[in-house]
Amino acid sequence: MNQAQLPYVALYLLSTFLASVSQVLLKKAALREHKSLLAEYTDWRVVLGYGLFVGCSLLAYKGVPLNVGPVLESTGYIYVTFFGVVIFHEKMNPKKIGALVLIILGILIYAL
């Protein structure tokens, strides 16, 4: 990876973060009671969540090599876990912590 690609890597990481935020929005919308199927899919959280997914997907590979994308995308697991614990009060267990450690180690090994 060269210096010219660094802004795109930062953009990719931001888009991965925003995709994780969109997952939170979609989960929040799924937890709500809706009057109809149409109301369920036109909820602002759903519309914004899917909009973020599409926008992030379009921007993601603009200047990032294909072999780097999956490594950067794996940071989404870290964001989603953090949001799950902080927002949804999900519990962490040793398996989840071990999995996150492996993901972080994989990112670091690839980066070095």
N, C-alpha and C. Protein backbone atom coordinates (compact mmCIF):
# COMPACT_ATOMS: atom_id res chain seq x y z
N MET A 1 0.85 -1.17 0.00
CA MET A 1 0.00 0.00 0.00
C MET A 1 0.91 1.24 0.00
N ASN A 2 0.54 2.22 -0.81
CA ASN A 2 1.36 3.42 -0.89
C ASN A 2 0.66 4.62 -0.26
N GLN A 3 1.36 5.74 -0.20
CA GLN A 3 0.85 6.95 0.45
C GLN A 3 -0.42 7.48 -0.20
N ALA A 4 -0.54 7.31 -1.51
CA ALA A 4 -1.71 7.82 -2.24
C ALA A 4 -2.98 7.06 -1.85
N GLN A 5 -2.83 5.84 -1.36
CA GLN A 5 -3.99 5.03 -0.99
C GLN A 5 -4.46 5.29 0.43
N LEU A 6 -3.68 5.96 1.26
CA LEU A 6 -4.04 6.18 2.66
C LEU A 6 -5.36 6.93 2.84
N PRO A 7 -5.64 7.99 2.07
CA PRO A 7 -6.96 8.63 2.23
C PRO A 7 -8.11 7.67 1.92
N TYR A 8 -7.92 6.79 0.95
CA TYR A 8 -8.95 5.81 0.61
C TYR A 8 -9.11 4.76 1.70
N VAL A 9 -8.00 4.40 2.34
CA VAL A 9 -8.07 3.47 3.47
C VAL A 9 -8.85 4.11 4.61
N ALA A 10 -8.59 5.37 4.89
CA ALA A 10 -9.33 6.09 5.94
C ALA A 10 -10.81 6.16 5.57
N LEU A 11 -11.11 6.44 4.31
CA LEU A 11 -12.49 6.48 3.84
C LEU A 11 -13.14 5.10 3.98
N TYR A 12 -12.40 4.05 3.67
CA TYR A 12 -12.92 2.70 3.79
C TYR A 12 -13.23 2.37 5.25
N LEU A 13 -12.32 2.73 6.15
CA LEU A 13 -12.56 2.49 7.58
C LEU A 13 -13.78 3.27 8.07
N LEU A 14 -13.94 4.51 7.59
CA LEU A 14 -15.11 5.30 7.94
C LEU A 14 -16.38 4.65 7.40
N SER A 15 -16.31 4.16 6.18
CA SER A 15 -17.50 3.52 5.60
C SER A 15 -17.84 2.23 6.34
N THR A 16 -16.83 1.50 6.81
CA THR A 16 -17.08 0.30 7.60
C THR A 16 -17.72 0.67 8.93
N PHE A 17 -17.26 1.75 9.53
CA PHE A 17 -17.87 2.23 10.77
C PHE A 17 -19.32 2.63 10.53
N LEU A 18 -19.58 3.36 9.45
CA LEU A 18 -20.95 3.78 9.13
C LEU A 18 -21.85 2.58 8.82
N ALA A 19 -21.28 1.56 8.19
CA ALA A 19 -22.06 0.34 7.94
C ALA A 19 -22.43 -0.33 9.27
N SER A 20 -21.53 -0.26 10.25
CA SER A 20 -21.83 -0.80 11.57
C SER A 20 -22.92 0.01 12.26
N VAL A 21 -22.87 1.33 12.10
CA VAL A 21 -23.92 2.19 12.64
C VAL A 21 -25.26 1.84 11.99
N SER A 22 -25.23 1.56 10.70
CA SER A 22 -26.48 1.20 10.01
C SER A 22 -27.04 -0.11 10.55
N GLN A 23 -26.18 -1.03 10.96
CA GLN A 23 -26.65 -2.28 11.56
C GLN A 23 -27.37 -1.99 12.88
N VAL A 24 -26.85 -1.04 13.64
CA VAL A 24 -27.52 -0.66 14.89
C VAL A 24 -28.89 -0.06 14.58
N LEU A 25 -28.96 0.81 13.58
CA LEU A 25 -30.24 1.40 13.19
C LEU A 25 -31.24 0.33 12.77
N LEU A 26 -30.77 -0.64 12.00
CA LEU A 26 -31.67 -1.71 11.55
C LEU A 26 -32.15 -2.55 12.73
N LYS A 27 -31.26 -2.82 13.69
CA LYS A 27 -31.67 -3.61 14.85
C LYS A 27 -32.66 -2.83 15.71
N LYS A 28 -32.41 -1.52 15.88
CA LYS A 28 -33.35 -0.69 16.63
C LYS A 28 -34.72 -0.69 15.96
N ALA A 29 -34.75 -0.61 14.64
CA ALA A 29 -36.02 -0.63 13.91
C ALA A 29 -36.70 -1.98 14.05
N ALA A 30 -35.94 -3.05 14.05
CA ALA A 30 -36.51 -4.39 14.17
C ALA A 30 -37.12 -4.62 15.55
N LEU A 31 -36.63 -3.94 16.56
CA LEU A 31 -37.14 -4.10 17.92
C LEU A 31 -38.44 -3.34 18.16
N ARG A 32 -38.80 -2.45 17.23
CA ARG A 32 -40.01 -1.64 17.39
C ARG A 32 -41.21 -2.37 16.80
N GLU A 33 -42.36 -2.07 17.34
CA GLU A 33 -43.63 -2.61 16.82
C GLU A 33 -44.11 -1.70 15.69
N HIS A 34 -44.49 -2.29 14.57
CA HIS A 34 -44.97 -1.52 13.42
C HIS A 34 -46.41 -1.89 13.11
N LYS A 35 -47.15 -0.92 12.59
CA LYS A 35 -48.56 -1.12 12.30
C LYS A 35 -48.79 -2.01 11.08
N SER A 36 -47.85 -1.98 10.13
CA SER A 36 -48.01 -2.77 8.91
C SER A 36 -46.63 -3.11 8.36
N LEU A 37 -46.62 -3.98 7.36
CA LEU A 37 -45.38 -4.35 6.70
C LEU A 37 -44.77 -3.14 6.00
N LEU A 38 -45.61 -2.33 5.39
CA LEU A 38 -45.13 -1.12 4.72
C LEU A 38 -44.50 -0.16 5.73
N ALA A 39 -45.12 0.00 6.87
CA ALA A 39 -44.58 0.88 7.91
C ALA A 39 -43.25 0.35 8.43
N GLU A 40 -43.11 -0.94 8.45
CA GLU A 40 -41.87 -1.55 8.92
C GLU A 40 -40.70 -1.22 7.98
N TYR A 41 -40.96 -1.25 6.69
CA TYR A 41 -39.89 -1.00 5.72
C TYR A 41 -39.71 0.46 5.36
N THR A 42 -40.62 1.32 5.75
CA THR A 42 -40.45 2.76 5.51
C THR A 42 -40.08 3.51 6.78
N ASP A 43 -39.80 2.79 7.85
CA ASP A 43 -39.30 3.39 9.08
C ASP A 43 -38.00 4.14 8.75
N TRP A 44 -37.82 5.32 9.30
CA TRP A 44 -36.65 6.13 8.96
C TRP A 44 -35.34 5.41 9.29
N ARG A 45 -35.35 4.57 10.32
CA ARG A 45 -34.15 3.83 10.69
C ARG A 45 -33.78 2.83 9.62
N VAL A 46 -34.78 2.18 9.05
CA VAL A 46 -34.54 1.19 7.99
C VAL A 46 -34.04 1.90 6.73
N VAL A 47 -34.69 2.98 6.36
CA VAL A 47 -34.30 3.71 5.16
C VAL A 47 -32.87 4.25 5.31
N LEU A 48 -32.58 4.86 6.44
CA LEU A 48 -31.23 5.38 6.68
C LEU A 48 -30.21 4.25 6.76
N GLY A 49 -30.57 3.16 7.44
CA GLY A 49 -29.66 2.02 7.57
C GLY A 49 -29.27 1.44 6.22
N TYR A 50 -30.26 1.18 5.37
CA TYR A 50 -29.94 0.63 4.05
C TYR A 50 -29.25 1.67 3.17
N GLY A 51 -29.60 2.94 3.33
CA GLY A 51 -28.91 3.99 2.58
C GLY A 51 -27.43 4.03 2.92
N LEU A 52 -27.12 3.91 4.21
CA LEU A 52 -25.72 3.88 4.63
C LEU A 52 -25.00 2.66 4.06
N PHE A 53 -25.66 1.50 4.09
CA PHE A 53 -25.06 0.29 3.53
C PHE A 53 -24.70 0.48 2.06
N VAL A 54 -25.64 0.99 1.29
CA VAL A 54 -25.41 1.16 -0.15
C VAL A 54 -24.32 2.20 -0.39
N GLY A 55 -24.42 3.34 0.29
CA GLY A 55 -23.42 4.38 0.12
C GLY A 55 -22.02 3.92 0.48
N CYS A 56 -21.92 3.20 1.58
CA CYS A 56 -20.62 2.70 2.01
C CYS A 56 -20.06 1.69 1.02
N SER A 57 -20.92 0.85 0.49
CA SER A 57 -20.47 -0.16 -0.47
C SER A 57 -19.95 0.50 -1.74
N LEU A 58 -20.60 1.57 -2.18
CA LEU A 58 -20.17 2.25 -3.40
C LEU A 58 -18.82 2.95 -3.20
N LEU A 59 -18.59 3.50 -2.03
CA LEU A 59 -17.35 4.23 -1.77
C LEU A 59 -16.18 3.32 -1.40
N ALA A 60 -16.48 2.16 -0.89
CA ALA A 60 -15.47 1.33 -0.24
C ALA A 60 -14.27 0.99 -1.12
N TYR A 61 -14.50 0.53 -2.34
CA TYR A 61 -13.39 0.06 -3.16
C TYR A 61 -12.92 1.08 -4.18
N LYS A 62 -13.25 2.36 -3.99
CA LYS A 62 -12.87 3.40 -4.94
C LYS A 62 -11.35 3.46 -5.14
N GLY A 63 -10.59 3.42 -4.07
CA GLY A 63 -9.14 3.52 -4.21
C GLY A 63 -8.38 2.53 -3.36
N VAL A 64 -9.08 1.51 -2.86
CA VAL A 64 -8.43 0.50 -2.01
C VAL A 64 -8.25 -0.78 -2.83
N PRO A 65 -7.05 -1.36 -2.82
CA PRO A 65 -6.85 -2.61 -3.55
C PRO A 65 -7.77 -3.71 -3.02
N LEU A 66 -8.14 -4.61 -3.88
CA LEU A 66 -9.06 -5.69 -3.51
C LEU A 66 -8.50 -6.57 -2.40
N ASN A 67 -7.19 -6.74 -2.33
CA ASN A 67 -6.63 -7.61 -1.29
C ASN A 67 -6.61 -6.93 0.09
N VAL A 68 -6.79 -5.62 0.14
CA VAL A 68 -6.78 -4.89 1.42
C VAL A 68 -8.20 -4.76 1.98
N GLY A 69 -9.19 -4.72 1.11
CA GLY A 69 -10.58 -4.52 1.51
C GLY A 69 -11.08 -5.45 2.60
N PRO A 70 -10.92 -6.77 2.45
CA PRO A 70 -11.43 -7.67 3.49
C PRO A 70 -10.77 -7.45 4.86
N VAL A 71 -9.51 -7.05 4.87
CA VAL A 71 -8.83 -6.78 6.15
C VAL A 71 -9.46 -5.57 6.81
N LEU A 72 -9.70 -4.52 6.03
CA LEU A 72 -10.32 -3.32 6.59
C LEU A 72 -11.77 -3.59 6.98
N GLU A 73 -12.45 -4.40 6.20
CA GLU A 73 -13.85 -4.74 6.49
C GLU A 73 -13.98 -5.49 7.81
N SER A 74 -12.96 -6.24 8.19
CA SER A 74 -13.02 -7.01 9.43
C SER A 74 -13.09 -6.11 10.67
N THR A 75 -12.72 -4.84 10.53
CA THR A 75 -12.86 -3.93 11.67
C THR A 75 -14.32 -3.74 12.05
N GLY A 76 -15.22 -4.02 11.14
CA GLY A 76 -16.66 -3.92 11.42
C GLY A 76 -17.08 -4.81 12.57
N TYR A 77 -16.44 -5.97 12.72
CA TYR A 77 -16.76 -6.85 13.84
C TYR A 77 -16.46 -6.19 15.18
N ILE A 78 -15.40 -5.41 15.20
CA ILE A 78 -15.02 -4.71 16.43
C ILE A 78 -16.07 -3.64 16.75
N TYR A 79 -16.46 -2.87 15.73
CA TYR A 79 -17.45 -1.81 15.94
C TYR A 79 -18.79 -2.40 16.39
N VAL A 80 -19.22 -3.45 15.70
CA VAL A 80 -20.52 -4.04 16.02
C VAL A 80 -20.52 -4.63 17.43
N THR A 81 -19.43 -5.25 17.83
CA THR A 81 -19.33 -5.77 19.19
C THR A 81 -19.39 -4.64 20.20
N PHE A 82 -18.68 -3.57 19.95
CA PHE A 82 -18.70 -2.42 20.85
C PHE A 82 -20.12 -1.86 20.97
N PHE A 83 -20.80 -1.67 19.84
CA PHE A 83 -22.17 -1.15 19.86
C PHE A 83 -23.10 -2.12 20.58
N GLY A 84 -22.90 -3.41 20.37
CA GLY A 84 -23.74 -4.40 21.03
C GLY A 84 -23.63 -4.33 22.54
N VAL A 85 -22.41 -4.16 23.02
CA VAL A 85 -22.19 -4.09 24.47
C VAL A 85 -22.71 -2.77 25.03
N VAL A 86 -22.39 -1.68 24.37
CA VAL A 86 -22.74 -0.35 24.90
C VAL A 86 -24.23 -0.03 24.72
N ILE A 87 -24.78 -0.28 23.54
CA ILE A 87 -26.15 0.14 23.26
C ILE A 87 -27.17 -0.92 23.65
N PHE A 88 -26.88 -2.19 23.33
CA PHE A 88 -27.86 -3.25 23.56
C PHE A 88 -27.57 -4.07 24.82
N HIS A 89 -26.51 -3.70 25.53
CA HIS A 89 -26.14 -4.36 26.80
C HIS A 89 -25.94 -5.86 26.64
N GLU A 90 -25.35 -6.25 25.52
CA GLU A 90 -25.03 -7.65 25.29
C GLU A 90 -23.82 -8.03 26.15
N LYS A 91 -23.76 -9.26 26.55
CA LYS A 91 -22.67 -9.72 27.41
C LYS A 91 -21.52 -10.29 26.59
N MET A 92 -20.32 -10.02 27.05
CA MET A 92 -19.12 -10.59 26.43
C MET A 92 -18.77 -11.86 27.18
N ASN A 93 -18.26 -12.84 26.45
CA ASN A 93 -17.77 -14.07 27.07
C ASN A 93 -16.37 -14.35 26.53
N PRO A 94 -15.68 -15.31 27.10
CA PRO A 94 -14.29 -15.57 26.66
C PRO A 94 -14.17 -15.89 25.17
N LYS A 95 -15.16 -16.58 24.58
CA LYS A 95 -15.09 -16.89 23.16
C LYS A 95 -15.15 -15.62 22.31
N LYS A 96 -16.04 -14.71 22.67
CA LYS A 96 -16.16 -13.45 21.92
C LYS A 96 -14.89 -12.62 22.06
N ILE A 97 -14.35 -12.56 23.26
CA ILE A 97 -13.12 -11.80 23.48
C ILE A 97 -11.98 -12.42 22.69
N GLY A 98 -11.88 -13.74 22.72
CA GLY A 98 -10.85 -14.44 21.95
C GLY A 98 -10.98 -14.19 20.46
N ALA A 99 -12.21 -14.19 19.96
CA ALA A 99 -12.44 -13.93 18.54
C ALA A 99 -12.01 -12.52 18.17
N LEU A 100 -12.33 -11.54 19.02
CA LEU A 100 -11.91 -10.17 18.74
C LEU A 100 -10.39 -10.02 18.77
N VAL A 101 -9.75 -10.71 19.70
CA VAL A 101 -8.29 -10.67 19.77
C VAL A 101 -7.69 -11.25 18.49
N LEU A 102 -8.25 -12.34 17.99
CA LEU A 102 -7.76 -12.94 16.74
C LEU A 102 -7.96 -11.99 15.56
N ILE A 103 -9.09 -11.31 15.51
CA ILE A 103 -9.34 -10.35 14.43
C ILE A 103 -8.32 -9.22 14.48
N ILE A 104 -8.09 -8.68 15.67
CA ILE A 104 -7.13 -7.58 15.81
C ILE A 104 -5.73 -8.06 15.46
N LEU A 105 -5.35 -9.25 15.91
CA LEU A 105 -4.04 -9.80 15.57
C LEU A 105 -3.90 -9.99 14.06
N GLY A 106 -4.94 -10.47 13.42
CA GLY A 106 -4.90 -10.65 11.98
C GLY A 106 -4.70 -9.33 11.24
N ILE A 107 -5.39 -8.29 11.70
CA ILE A 107 -5.22 -6.97 11.09
C ILE A 107 -3.79 -6.47 11.28
N LEU A 108 -3.28 -6.62 12.50
CA LEU A 108 -1.91 -6.16 12.78
C LEU A 108 -0.87 -6.93 11.99
N ILE A 109 -1.03 -8.24 11.90
CA ILE A 109 -0.08 -9.06 11.15
C ILE A 109 -0.09 -8.66 9.68
N TYR A 110 -1.28 -8.44 9.12
CA TYR A 110 -1.36 -8.03 7.72
C TYR A 110 -0.73 -6.66 7.51
N ALA A 111 -0.96 -5.76 8.46
CA ALA A 111 -0.44 -4.39 8.33
C ALA A 111 1.09 -4.36 8.41
N LEU A 112 1.67 -5.29 9.17
CA LEU A 112 3.14 -5.30 9.32
C LEU A 112 3.75 -6.03 8.16
